[in-house]
Amino acid sequence: MIDDGLIKGSTVKTKDSNLYLIQGLSTAGHQYLKNLENPTFLNKLKNVLKEEGIPLTPTSITRAIAKLLFY
């Protein structure tokens, strides 16, 4: 979600894995959550993703919403 611009933060690579430093939600993150509260919007989004053959994963749903809101 950091990469999608929904969360303000950064990633620090460590010897064993990654450490995520989260500062909070971005404006896009707040809009994303607001749109998820609307069941009609979420159902329409899922139908479009299914029709396009895109898997219903959290990442694909997040990217689709970001594209709808900001492109």
N, C-alpha and C. Protein backbone atom coordinates (compact mmCIF):
# COMPACT_ATOMS: atom_id res chain seq x y z
N MET A 1 0.81 -1.18 0.00
CA MET A 1 0.00 0.00 0.00
C MET A 1 0.87 1.26 0.00
N ILE A 2 2.09 1.14 0.48
CA ILE A 2 3.01 2.26 0.39
C ILE A 2 3.32 2.55 -1.07
N ASP A 3 3.57 1.49 -1.83
CA ASP A 3 3.87 1.64 -3.26
C ASP A 3 2.70 2.24 -4.03
N ASP A 4 1.48 1.94 -3.60
CA ASP A 4 0.29 2.46 -4.27
C ASP A 4 -0.08 3.87 -3.83
N GLY A 5 0.65 4.40 -2.85
CA GLY A 5 0.41 5.76 -2.40
C GLY A 5 -0.74 5.90 -1.42
N LEU A 6 -1.20 4.80 -0.85
CA LEU A 6 -2.31 4.85 0.09
C LEU A 6 -1.84 5.06 1.53
N ILE A 7 -0.60 4.72 1.79
CA ILE A 7 -0.02 4.88 3.12
C ILE A 7 1.26 5.70 2.98
N LYS A 8 1.45 6.67 3.86
CA LYS A 8 2.70 7.43 3.90
C LYS A 8 3.69 6.63 4.74
N GLY A 9 4.82 6.31 4.15
CA GLY A 9 5.81 5.55 4.89
C GLY A 9 6.97 5.19 3.99
N SER A 10 7.84 4.37 4.54
CA SER A 10 9.01 3.94 3.79
C SER A 10 9.39 2.52 4.20
N THR A 11 10.24 1.92 3.37
CA THR A 11 10.72 0.58 3.63
C THR A 11 12.22 0.63 3.87
N VAL A 12 12.66 -0.01 4.93
CA VAL A 12 14.08 -0.10 5.25
C VAL A 12 14.47 -1.56 5.16
N LYS A 13 15.44 -1.85 4.30
CA LYS A 13 15.91 -3.23 4.16
C LYS A 13 16.85 -3.56 5.30
N THR A 14 16.60 -4.68 5.95
CA THR A 14 17.47 -5.15 7.03
C THR A 14 18.14 -6.45 6.58
N LYS A 15 18.97 -6.97 7.42
CA LYS A 15 19.69 -8.20 7.09
C LYS A 15 18.72 -9.37 6.89
N ASP A 16 17.68 -9.44 7.69
CA ASP A 16 16.77 -10.58 7.65
C ASP A 16 15.54 -10.36 6.77
N SER A 17 15.04 -9.14 6.72
CA SER A 17 13.82 -8.86 5.95
C SER A 17 13.68 -7.36 5.76
N ASN A 18 12.46 -6.89 5.59
CA ASN A 18 12.20 -5.46 5.45
C ASN A 18 11.50 -4.93 6.70
N LEU A 19 11.78 -3.69 7.02
CA LEU A 19 11.13 -2.99 8.12
C LEU A 19 10.31 -1.87 7.50
N TYR A 20 9.03 -1.82 7.82
CA TYR A 20 8.14 -0.82 7.26
C TYR A 20 7.89 0.27 8.29
N LEU A 21 8.24 1.50 7.94
CA LEU A 21 8.01 2.66 8.80
C LEU A 21 6.78 3.38 8.28
N ILE A 22 5.69 3.29 9.02
CA ILE A 22 4.41 3.85 8.57
C ILE A 22 4.14 5.14 9.34
N GLN A 23 3.88 6.21 8.57
CA GLN A 23 3.59 7.51 9.16
C GLN A 23 2.09 7.75 9.27
N GLY A 24 1.31 7.11 8.42
CA GLY A 24 -0.15 7.28 8.46
C GLY A 24 -0.75 7.14 7.08
N LEU A 25 -2.05 7.34 7.02
CA LEU A 25 -2.76 7.27 5.75
C LEU A 25 -2.53 8.53 4.94
N SER A 26 -2.44 8.36 3.64
CA SER A 26 -2.37 9.51 2.75
C SER A 26 -3.80 9.94 2.42
N THR A 27 -3.93 11.03 1.71
CA THR A 27 -5.25 11.47 1.26
C THR A 27 -5.89 10.39 0.41
N ALA A 28 -5.10 9.78 -0.45
CA ALA A 28 -5.61 8.69 -1.29
C ALA A 28 -6.07 7.52 -0.43
N GLY A 29 -5.37 7.24 0.66
CA GLY A 29 -5.76 6.17 1.56
C GLY A 29 -7.10 6.44 2.23
N HIS A 30 -7.32 7.68 2.61
CA HIS A 30 -8.60 8.05 3.22
C HIS A 30 -9.74 7.90 2.20
N GLN A 31 -9.50 8.33 0.96
CA GLN A 31 -10.52 8.19 -0.08
C GLN A 31 -10.79 6.73 -0.38
N TYR A 32 -9.74 5.92 -0.38
CA TYR A 32 -9.87 4.48 -0.61
C TYR A 32 -10.78 3.86 0.45
N LEU A 33 -10.54 4.16 1.71
CA LEU A 33 -11.37 3.60 2.79
C LEU A 33 -12.80 4.11 2.71
N LYS A 34 -12.97 5.37 2.35
CA LYS A 34 -14.31 5.93 2.21
C LYS A 34 -15.09 5.21 1.12
N ASN A 35 -14.43 4.93 -0.01
CA ASN A 35 -15.09 4.22 -1.10
C ASN A 35 -15.42 2.77 -0.73
N LEU A 36 -14.59 2.16 0.10
CA LEU A 36 -14.86 0.78 0.52
C LEU A 36 -16.09 0.67 1.41
N GLU A 37 -16.45 1.77 2.07
CA GLU A 37 -17.65 1.77 2.92
C GLU A 37 -18.92 1.69 2.07
N ASN A 38 -18.84 2.09 0.81
CA ASN A 38 -19.99 2.08 -0.08
C ASN A 38 -20.09 0.70 -0.72
N PRO A 39 -21.06 -0.13 -0.31
CA PRO A 39 -21.15 -1.49 -0.85
C PRO A 39 -21.42 -1.52 -2.36
N THR A 40 -22.13 -0.54 -2.87
CA THR A 40 -22.41 -0.50 -4.30
C THR A 40 -21.12 -0.33 -5.09
N PHE A 41 -20.26 0.59 -4.64
CA PHE A 41 -18.98 0.83 -5.31
C PHE A 41 -18.13 -0.43 -5.30
N LEU A 42 -18.03 -1.09 -4.15
CA LEU A 42 -17.20 -2.27 -4.02
C LEU A 42 -17.72 -3.40 -4.90
N ASN A 43 -19.03 -3.60 -4.94
CA ASN A 43 -19.60 -4.66 -5.77
C ASN A 43 -19.36 -4.39 -7.26
N LYS A 44 -19.53 -3.13 -7.68
CA LYS A 44 -19.26 -2.77 -9.08
C LYS A 44 -17.80 -3.02 -9.42
N LEU A 45 -16.92 -2.64 -8.52
CA LEU A 45 -15.49 -2.83 -8.74
C LEU A 45 -15.16 -4.32 -8.89
N LYS A 46 -15.69 -5.14 -8.01
CA LYS A 46 -15.44 -6.59 -8.08
C LYS A 46 -15.95 -7.17 -9.39
N ASN A 47 -17.13 -6.72 -9.84
CA ASN A 47 -17.68 -7.22 -11.09
C ASN A 47 -16.81 -6.84 -12.28
N VAL A 48 -16.31 -5.61 -12.29
CA VAL A 48 -15.43 -5.18 -13.38
C VAL A 48 -14.15 -5.99 -13.38
N LEU A 49 -13.55 -6.21 -12.21
CA LEU A 49 -12.32 -6.99 -12.13
C LEU A 49 -12.55 -8.42 -12.60
N LYS A 50 -13.68 -9.02 -12.24
CA LYS A 50 -13.99 -10.38 -12.68
C LYS A 50 -14.16 -10.43 -14.20
N GLU A 51 -14.87 -9.44 -14.76
CA GLU A 51 -15.09 -9.39 -16.20
C GLU A 51 -13.78 -9.25 -16.97
N GLU A 52 -12.83 -8.52 -16.39
CA GLU A 52 -11.54 -8.30 -17.03
C GLU A 52 -10.56 -9.45 -16.78
N GLY A 53 -10.96 -10.41 -15.95
CA GLY A 53 -10.10 -11.55 -15.66
C GLY A 53 -8.99 -11.25 -14.67
N ILE A 54 -9.16 -10.18 -13.90
CA ILE A 54 -8.16 -9.80 -12.90
C ILE A 54 -8.52 -10.48 -11.58
N PRO A 55 -7.55 -11.16 -10.93
CA PRO A 55 -7.86 -11.85 -9.68
C PRO A 55 -8.28 -10.87 -8.58
N LEU A 56 -9.17 -11.32 -7.71
CA LEU A 56 -9.67 -10.47 -6.63
C LEU A 56 -8.76 -10.57 -5.40
N THR A 57 -7.59 -10.00 -5.54
CA THR A 57 -6.66 -9.96 -4.42
C THR A 57 -6.67 -8.55 -3.84
N PRO A 58 -6.25 -8.38 -2.60
CA PRO A 58 -6.20 -7.03 -2.03
C PRO A 58 -5.37 -6.07 -2.88
N THR A 59 -4.28 -6.56 -3.44
CA THR A 59 -3.42 -5.70 -4.26
C THR A 59 -4.14 -5.25 -5.53
N SER A 60 -4.80 -6.18 -6.22
CA SER A 60 -5.48 -5.81 -7.46
C SER A 60 -6.65 -4.87 -7.20
N ILE A 61 -7.36 -5.08 -6.11
CA ILE A 61 -8.48 -4.19 -5.76
C ILE A 61 -7.95 -2.80 -5.41
N THR A 62 -6.86 -2.76 -4.66
CA THR A 62 -6.26 -1.47 -4.28
C THR A 62 -5.81 -0.70 -5.51
N ARG A 63 -5.13 -1.37 -6.42
CA ARG A 63 -4.64 -0.70 -7.63
C ARG A 63 -5.79 -0.23 -8.51
N ALA A 64 -6.84 -1.03 -8.62
CA ALA A 64 -8.00 -0.64 -9.43
C ALA A 64 -8.66 0.61 -8.84
N ILE A 65 -8.82 0.65 -7.53
CA ILE A 65 -9.44 1.82 -6.89
C ILE A 65 -8.55 3.06 -7.08
N ALA A 66 -7.25 2.87 -6.93
CA ALA A 66 -6.34 4.00 -7.12
C ALA A 66 -6.42 4.53 -8.54
N LYS A 67 -6.51 3.64 -9.50
CA LYS A 67 -6.64 4.08 -10.90
C LYS A 67 -7.95 4.81 -11.13
N LEU A 68 -9.01 4.30 -10.54
CA LEU A 68 -10.30 4.96 -10.72
C LEU A 68 -10.34 6.36 -10.10
N LEU A 69 -9.66 6.51 -8.97
CA LEU A 69 -9.70 7.78 -8.27
C LEU A 69 -8.72 8.82 -8.82
N PHE A 70 -7.58 8.39 -9.34
CA PHE A 70 -6.53 9.35 -9.61
C PHE A 70 -6.03 9.40 -11.04
N TYR A 71 -6.61 8.63 -11.94
CA TYR A 71 -6.14 8.68 -13.34
C TYR A 71 -7.24 9.14 -14.26
